[in-house]
PDB file of N, CA and C in Angstrom:
ATOM      1  N   MET A   1    -140.923 123.447  78.365  1.00  0.00           N
ATOM      2  CA  MET A   1    -139.651 122.943  78.864  1.00  0.00           C
ATOM      3  C   MET A   1    -138.831 124.134  79.367  1.00  0.00           C
ATOM      4  N   ASP A   2    -138.493 124.122  80.623  1.00  0.00           N
ATOM      5  CA  ASP A   2    -137.698 125.211  81.174  1.00  0.00           C
ATOM      6  C   ASP A   2    -136.202 124.875  81.102  1.00  0.00           C
ATOM      7  N   PHE A   3    -135.392 125.826  81.533  1.00  0.00           N
ATOM      8  CA  PHE A   3    -133.945 125.683  81.435  1.00  0.00           C
ATOM      9  C   PHE A   3    -133.434 124.511  82.274  1.00  0.00           C
ATOM     10  N   GLY A   4    -134.025 124.272  83.411  1.00  0.00           N
ATOM     11  CA  GLY A   4    -133.593 123.180  84.276  1.00  0.00           C
ATOM     12  C   GLY A   4    -133.784 121.817  83.618  1.00  0.00           C
ATOM     13  N   GLN A   5    -134.913 121.640  82.961  1.00  0.00           N
ATOM     14  CA  GLN A   5    -135.159 120.383  82.258  1.00  0.00           C
ATOM     15  C   GLN A   5    -134.226 120.215  81.069  1.00  0.00           C
ATOM     16  N   LEU A   6    -133.992 121.298  80.331  1.00  0.00           N
ATOM     17  CA  LEU A   6    -133.079 121.250  79.185  1.00  0.00           C
ATOM     18  C   LEU A   6    -131.659 120.922  79.641  1.00  0.00           C
ATOM     19  N   TYR A   7    -131.222 121.567  80.712  1.00  0.00           N
ATOM     20  CA  TYR A   7    -129.890 121.296  81.260  1.00  0.00           C
ATOM     21  C   TYR A   7    -129.779 119.838  81.703  1.00  0.00           C
ATOM     22  N   HIS A   8    -130.784 119.348  82.390  1.00  0.00           N
ATOM     23  CA  HIS A   8    -130.776 117.954  82.843  1.00  0.00           C
ATOM     24  C   HIS A   8    -130.703 116.999  81.661  1.00  0.00           C
ATOM     25  N   PHE A   9    -131.494 117.274  80.621  1.00  0.00           N
ATOM     26  CA  PHE A   9    -131.473 116.397  79.450  1.00  0.00           C
ATOM     27  C   PHE A   9    -130.118 116.404  78.761  1.00  0.00           C
ATOM     28  N   LEU A  10    -129.563 117.593  78.519  1.00  0.00           N
ATOM     29  CA  LEU A  10    -128.323 117.685  77.740  1.00  0.00           C
ATOM     30  C   LEU A  10    -127.097 117.182  78.488  1.00  0.00           C
ATOM     31  N   PHE A  11    -127.020 117.406  79.783  1.00  0.00           N
ATOM     32  CA  PHE A  11    -125.790 117.111  80.500  1.00  0.00           C
ATOM     33  C   PHE A  11    -125.878 115.952  81.487  1.00  0.00           C
ATOM     34  N   GLU A  12    -127.067 115.418  81.718  1.00  0.00           N
ATOM     35  CA  GLU A  12    -127.193 114.365  82.714  1.00  0.00           C
ATOM     36  C   GLU A  12    -127.821 113.081  82.184  1.00  0.00           C
ATOM     37  N   THR A  13    -128.095 113.027  80.880  1.00  0.00           N
ATOM     38  CA  THR A  13    -128.624 111.788  80.293  1.00  0.00           C
ATOM     39  C   THR A  13    -127.738 111.370  79.131  1.00  0.00           C
ATOM     40  N   PHE A  14    -127.716 110.080  78.858  1.00  0.00           N
ATOM     41  CA  PHE A  14    -126.898 109.576  77.753  1.00  0.00           C
ATOM     42  C   PHE A  14    -127.390 110.114  76.410  1.00  0.00           C
ATOM     43  N   GLU A  15    -128.697 110.225  76.245  1.00  0.00           N
ATOM     44  CA  GLU A  15    -129.237 110.744  74.992  1.00  0.00           C
ATOM     45  C   GLU A  15    -128.843 112.211  74.783  1.00  0.00           C
ATOM     46  N   GLY A  16    -128.886 112.989  75.839  1.00  0.00           N
ATOM     47  CA  GLY A  16    -128.507 114.395  75.742  1.00  0.00           C
ATOM     48  C   GLY A  16    -127.041 114.575  75.411  1.00  0.00           C
ATOM     49  N   ILE A  17    -126.186 113.776  76.034  1.00  0.00           N
ATOM     50  CA  ILE A  17    -124.752 113.850  75.739  1.00  0.00           C
ATOM     51  C   ILE A  17    -124.499 113.420  74.305  1.00  0.00           C
ATOM     52  N   GLY A  18    -125.235 112.419  73.844  1.00  0.00           N
ATOM     53  CA  GLY A  18    -125.120 111.998  72.442  1.00  0.00           C
ATOM     54  C   GLY A  18    -125.536 113.110  71.496  1.00  0.00           C
ATOM     55  N   CYS A  19    -126.591 113.834  71.841  1.00  0.00           N
ATOM     56  CA  CYS A  19    -127.018 114.974  71.022  1.00  0.00           C
ATOM     57  C   CYS A  19    -125.937 116.053  70.974  1.00  0.00           C
ATOM     58  N   LEU A  20    -125.325 116.351  72.117  1.00  0.00           N
ATOM     59  CA  LEU A  20    -124.257 117.353  72.145  1.00  0.00           C
ATOM     60  C   LEU A  20    -123.074 116.936  71.283  1.00  0.00           C
ATOM     61  N   ILE A  21    -122.698 115.672  71.348  1.00  0.00           N
ATOM     62  CA  ILE A  21    -121.589 115.174  70.537  1.00  0.00           C
ATOM     63  C   ILE A  21    -121.936 115.232  69.054  1.00  0.00           C
ATOM     64  N   ALA A  22    -123.147 114.817  68.699  1.00  0.00           N
ATOM     65  CA  ALA A  22    -123.570 114.850  67.296  1.00  0.00           C
ATOM     66  C   ALA A  22    -123.614 116.283  66.765  1.00  0.00           C
ATOM     67  N   ILE A  23    -124.144 117.203  67.553  1.00  0.00           N
ATOM     68  CA  ILE A  23    -124.194 118.603  67.133  1.00  0.00           C
ATOM     69  C   ILE A  23    -122.777 119.156  66.957  1.00  0.00           C
ATOM     70  N   GLY A  24    -121.878 118.814  67.867  1.00  0.00           N
ATOM     71  CA  GLY A  24    -120.487 119.265  67.749  1.00  0.00           C
ATOM     72  C   GLY A  24    -119.814 118.723  66.498  1.00  0.00           C
ATOM     73  N   LEU A  25    -120.058 117.458  66.174  1.00  0.00           N
ATOM     74  CA  LEU A  25    -119.473 116.878  64.962  1.00  0.00           C
ATOM     75  C   LEU A  25    -120.013 117.543  63.702  1.00  0.00           C
ATOM     76  N   VAL A  26    -121.304 117.777  63.656  1.00  0.00           N
ATOM     77  CA  VAL A  26    -121.907 118.413  62.479  1.00  0.00           C
ATOM     78  C   VAL A  26    -121.372 119.825  62.303  1.00  0.00           C
ATOM     79  N   ILE A  27    -121.290 120.585  63.379  1.00  0.00           N
ATOM     80  CA  ILE A  27    -120.761 121.953  63.291  1.00  0.00           C
ATOM     81  C   ILE A  27    -119.302 121.939  62.852  1.00  0.00           C
ATOM     82  N   SER A  28    -118.518 120.998  63.368  1.00  0.00           N
ATOM     83  CA  SER A  28    -117.109 120.910  62.982  1.00  0.00           C
ATOM     84  C   SER A  28    -116.953 120.563  61.511  1.00  0.00           C
ATOM     85  N   ILE A  29    -117.743 119.634  61.014  1.00  0.00           N
ATOM     86  CA  ILE A  29    -117.658 119.248  59.601  1.00  0.00           C
ATOM     87  C   ILE A  29    -118.056 120.414  58.700  1.00  0.00           C
ATOM     88  N   ILE A  30    -119.117 121.133  59.061  1.00  0.00           N
ATOM     89  CA  ILE A  30    -119.533 122.288  58.266  1.00  0.00           C
ATOM     90  C   ILE A  30    -118.447 123.355  58.257  1.00  0.00           C
ATOM     91  N   ALA A  31    -117.829 123.623  59.403  1.00  0.00           N
ATOM     92  CA  ALA A  31    -116.754 124.621  59.476  1.00  0.00           C
ATOM     93  C   ALA A  31    -115.557 124.194  58.632  1.00  0.00           C
ATOM     94  N   CYS A  32    -115.207 122.909  58.662  1.00  0.00           N
ATOM     95  CA  CYS A  32    -114.075 122.422  57.867  1.00  0.00           C
ATOM     96  C   CYS A  32    -114.338 122.559  56.372  1.00  0.00           C
ATOM     97  N   ILE A  33    -115.550 122.258  55.937  1.00  0.00           N
ATOM     98  CA  ILE A  33    -115.891 122.377  54.521  1.00  0.00           C
ATOM     99  C   ILE A  33    -115.836 123.836  54.083  1.00  0.00           C
ATOM    100  N   ILE A  34    -116.361 124.739  54.903  1.00  0.00           N
ATOM    101  CA  ILE A  34    -116.320 126.167  54.568  1.00  0.00           C
ATOM    102  C   ILE A  34    -114.882 126.658  54.476  1.00  0.00           C
ATOM    103  N   MET A  35    -114.035 126.288  55.437  1.00  0.00           N
ATOM    104  CA  MET A  35    -112.642 126.736  55.410  1.00  0.00           C
ATOM    105  C   MET A  35    -111.874 126.142  54.230  1.00  0.00           C
ATOM    106  N   GLU A  36    -112.157 124.900  53.864  1.00  0.00           N
ATOM    107  CA  GLU A  36    -111.505 124.278  52.716  1.00  0.00           C
ATOM    108  C   GLU A  36    -111.870 125.005  51.429  1.00  0.00           C
ATOM    109  N   ARG A  37    -113.119 125.353  51.265  1.00  0.00           N
ATOM    110  CA  ARG A  37    -113.545 126.052  50.047  1.00  0.00           C
ATOM    111  C   ARG A  37    -112.948 127.452  49.975  1.00  0.00           C
ATOM    112  N   ARG A  38    -112.860 128.151  51.113  1.00  0.00           N
ATOM    113  CA  ARG A  38    -112.238 129.472  51.113  1.00  0.00           C
ATOM    114  C   ARG A  38    -110.759 129.379  50.761  1.00  0.00           C
ATOM    115  N   THR A  39    -110.089 128.347  51.249  1.00  0.00           N
ATOM    116  CA  THR A  39    -108.678 128.164  50.936  1.00  0.00           C
ATOM    117  C   THR A  39    -108.489 127.879  49.455  1.00  0.00           C
ATOM    118  N   ARG A  40    -109.357 127.064  48.870  1.00  0.00           N
ATOM    119  CA  ARG A  40    -109.277 126.778  47.434  1.00  0.00           C
ATOM    120  C   ARG A  40    -109.464 128.047  46.613  1.00  0.00           C
ATOM    121  N   LYS A  41    -110.386 128.924  47.013  1.00  0.00           N
ATOM    122  CA  LYS A  41    -110.606 130.169  46.287  1.00  0.00           C
ATOM    123  C   LYS A  41    -109.395 131.088  46.394  1.00  0.00           C
ATOM    124  N   ARG A  42    -108.759 131.116  47.553  1.00  0.00           N
ATOM    125  CA  ARG A  42    -107.625 132.012  47.756  1.00  0.00           C
ATOM    126  C   ARG A  42    -106.387 131.551  46.989  1.00  0.00           C
ATOM    127  N   PHE A  43    -106.130 130.252  46.945  1.00  0.00           N
ATOM    128  CA  PHE A  43    -104.923 129.726  46.310  1.00  0.00           C
ATOM    129  C   PHE A  43    -105.261 129.003  45.009  1.00  0.00           C
ATOM    130  N   VAL A  44    -106.117 129.593  44.206  1.00  0.00           N
ATOM    131  CA  VAL A  44    -106.559 128.964  42.968  1.00  0.00           C
ATOM    132  C   VAL A  44    -105.436 128.911  41.925  1.00  0.00           C
ATOM    133  N   SER A  45    -104.491 129.829  41.963  1.00  0.00           N
ATOM    134  CA  SER A  45    -103.438 129.871  40.951  1.00  0.00           C
ATOM    135  C   SER A  45    -102.282 128.914  41.253  1.00  0.00           C
ATOM    136  N   ARG A  46    -102.282 128.279  42.396  1.00  0.00           N
ATOM    137  CA  ARG A  46    -101.206 127.363  42.758  1.00  0.00           C
ATOM    138  C   ARG A  46    -101.368 126.050  42.022  1.00  0.00           C
ATOM    139  N   GLU A  47    -100.276 125.582  41.406  1.00  0.00           N
ATOM    140  CA  GLU A  47    -100.325 124.322  40.670  1.00  0.00           C
ATOM    141  C   GLU A  47    -100.191 123.154  41.640  1.00  0.00           C
ATOM    142  N   ALA A  48    -100.907 122.096  41.354  1.00  0.00           N
ATOM    143  CA  ALA A  48    -100.904 120.925  42.228  1.00  0.00           C
ATOM    144  C   ALA A  48     -99.689 120.049  41.939  1.00  0.00           C
ATOM    145  N   ASP A  49     -99.115 119.504  43.007  1.00  0.00           N
ATOM    146  CA  ASP A  49     -98.019 118.559  42.875  1.00  0.00           C
ATOM    147  C   ASP A  49     -98.583 117.150  42.870  1.00  0.00           C
ATOM    148  N   GLU A  50     -97.707 116.166  42.623  1.00  0.00           N
ATOM    149  CA  GLU A  50     -98.178 114.777  42.635  1.00  0.00           C
ATOM    150  C   GLU A  50     -98.479 114.298  44.054  1.00  0.00           C
ATOM    151  N   ASP A  51     -97.902 114.944  45.070  1.00  0.00           N
ATOM    152  CA  ASP A  51     -98.141 114.561  46.457  1.00  0.00           C
ATOM    153  C   ASP A  51     -99.399 115.199  47.043  1.00  0.00           C
ATOM    154  N   ASP A  52     -99.998 116.149  46.343  1.00  0.00           N
ATOM    155  CA  ASP A  52    -101.188 116.825  46.849  1.00  0.00           C
ATOM    156  C   ASP A  52    -102.402 115.905  46.773  1.00  0.00           C
ATOM    157  N   TRP A  53    -103.268 116.045  47.752  1.00  0.00           N
ATOM    158  CA  TRP A  53    -104.546 115.331  47.732  1.00  0.00           C
ATOM    159  C   TRP A  53    -105.616 116.297  48.162  1.00  0.00           C
ATOM    160  N   SER A  54    -106.840 115.967  47.878  1.00  0.00           N
ATOM    161  CA  SER A  54    -107.933 116.858  48.203  1.00  0.00           C
ATOM    162  C   SER A  54    -109.127 116.071  48.700  1.00  0.00           C
ATOM    163  N   PHE A  55    -109.808 116.635  49.647  1.00  0.00           N
ATOM    164  CA  PHE A  55    -111.030 116.029  50.165  1.00  0.00           C
ATOM    165  C   PHE A  55    -112.116 116.037  49.095  1.00  0.00           C
ATOM    166  N   PHE A  56    -112.101 117.048  48.225  1.00  0.00           N
ATOM    167  CA  PHE A  56    -113.114 117.200  47.187  1.00  0.00           C
ATOM    168  C   PHE A  56    -112.612 116.752  45.819  1.00  0.00           C
ATOM    169  N   ASP A  57    -111.540 115.994  45.768  1.00  0.00           N
ATOM    170  CA  ASP A  57    -110.934 115.590  44.513  1.00  0.00           C
ATOM    171  C   ASP A  57    -111.836 114.619  43.760  1.00  0.00           C
ATOM    172  N   ASP A  58    -111.883 114.789  42.458  1.00  0.00           N
ATOM    173  CA  ASP A  58    -112.649 113.872  41.612  1.00  0.00           C
ATOM    174  C   ASP A  58    -111.765 112.708  41.205  1.00  0.00           C
ATOM    175  N   ASP A  59    -112.371 111.548  41.063  1.00  0.00           N
ATOM    176  CA  ASP A  59    -111.624 110.378  40.606  1.00  0.00           C
ATOM    177  C   ASP A  59    -111.341 110.428  39.108  1.00  0.00           C
ATOM    178  N   ASP A  60    -112.011 111.313  38.395  1.00  0.00           N
ATOM    179  CA  ASP A  60    -111.811 111.421  36.945  1.00  0.00           C
ATOM    180  C   ASP A  60    -110.398 111.862  36.601  1.00  0.00           C
ATOM    181  N   ASP A  61    -109.800 112.709  37.440  1.00  0.00           N
ATOM    182  CA  ASP A  61    -108.443 113.192  37.166  1.00  0.00           C
ATOM    183  C   ASP A  61    -107.442 112.031  37.174  1.00  0.00           C
ATOM    184  N   GLU A  62    -107.597 111.108  38.092  1.00  0.00           N
ATOM    185  CA  GLU A  62    -106.678 109.968  38.178  1.00  0.00           C
ATOM    186  C   GLU A  62    -106.851 109.029  36.994  1.00  0.00           C
ATOM    187  N   GLU A  63    -108.096 108.868  36.525  1.00  0.00           N
ATOM    188  CA  GLU A  63    -108.352 107.964  35.424  1.00  0.00           C
ATOM    189  C   GLU A  63    -107.812 108.533  34.111  1.00  0.00           C
ATOM    190  N   LYS A  64    -107.798 109.840  33.949  1.00  0.00           N
ATOM    191  CA  LYS A  64    -107.292 110.456  32.725  1.00  0.00           C
ATOM    192  C   LYS A  64    -105.789 110.277  32.604  1.00  0.00           C
ATOM    193  N   GLY A  65    -105.090 110.277  33.739  1.00  0.00           N
ATOM    194  CA  GLY A  65    -103.635 110.157  33.731  1.00  0.00           C
ATOM    195  C   GLY A  65    -103.151 108.742  33.452  1.00  0.00           C
ATOM    196  N   LYS A  66    -104.000 107.761  33.612  1.00  0.00           N
ATOM    197  CA  LYS A  66    -103.586 106.368  33.434  1.00  0.00           C
ATOM    198  C   LYS A  66    -103.751 105.898  32.028  1.00  0.00           C
TER     199      LYS A  66
END
């Protein structure tokens, strides 16, 4: 497969455009997870307020408070 065929597949077919969109979504989700974990490590000493929420929050914390 040469560059011309790859370019045609990725940018001129519906399947190729779908692949580009899927790859972009996966890369974005991975980047968001990495940045969220780095932020948690940096601000570990900050106490959580009642208005705070987390993507990685466990449901066990809410059940203990009730």
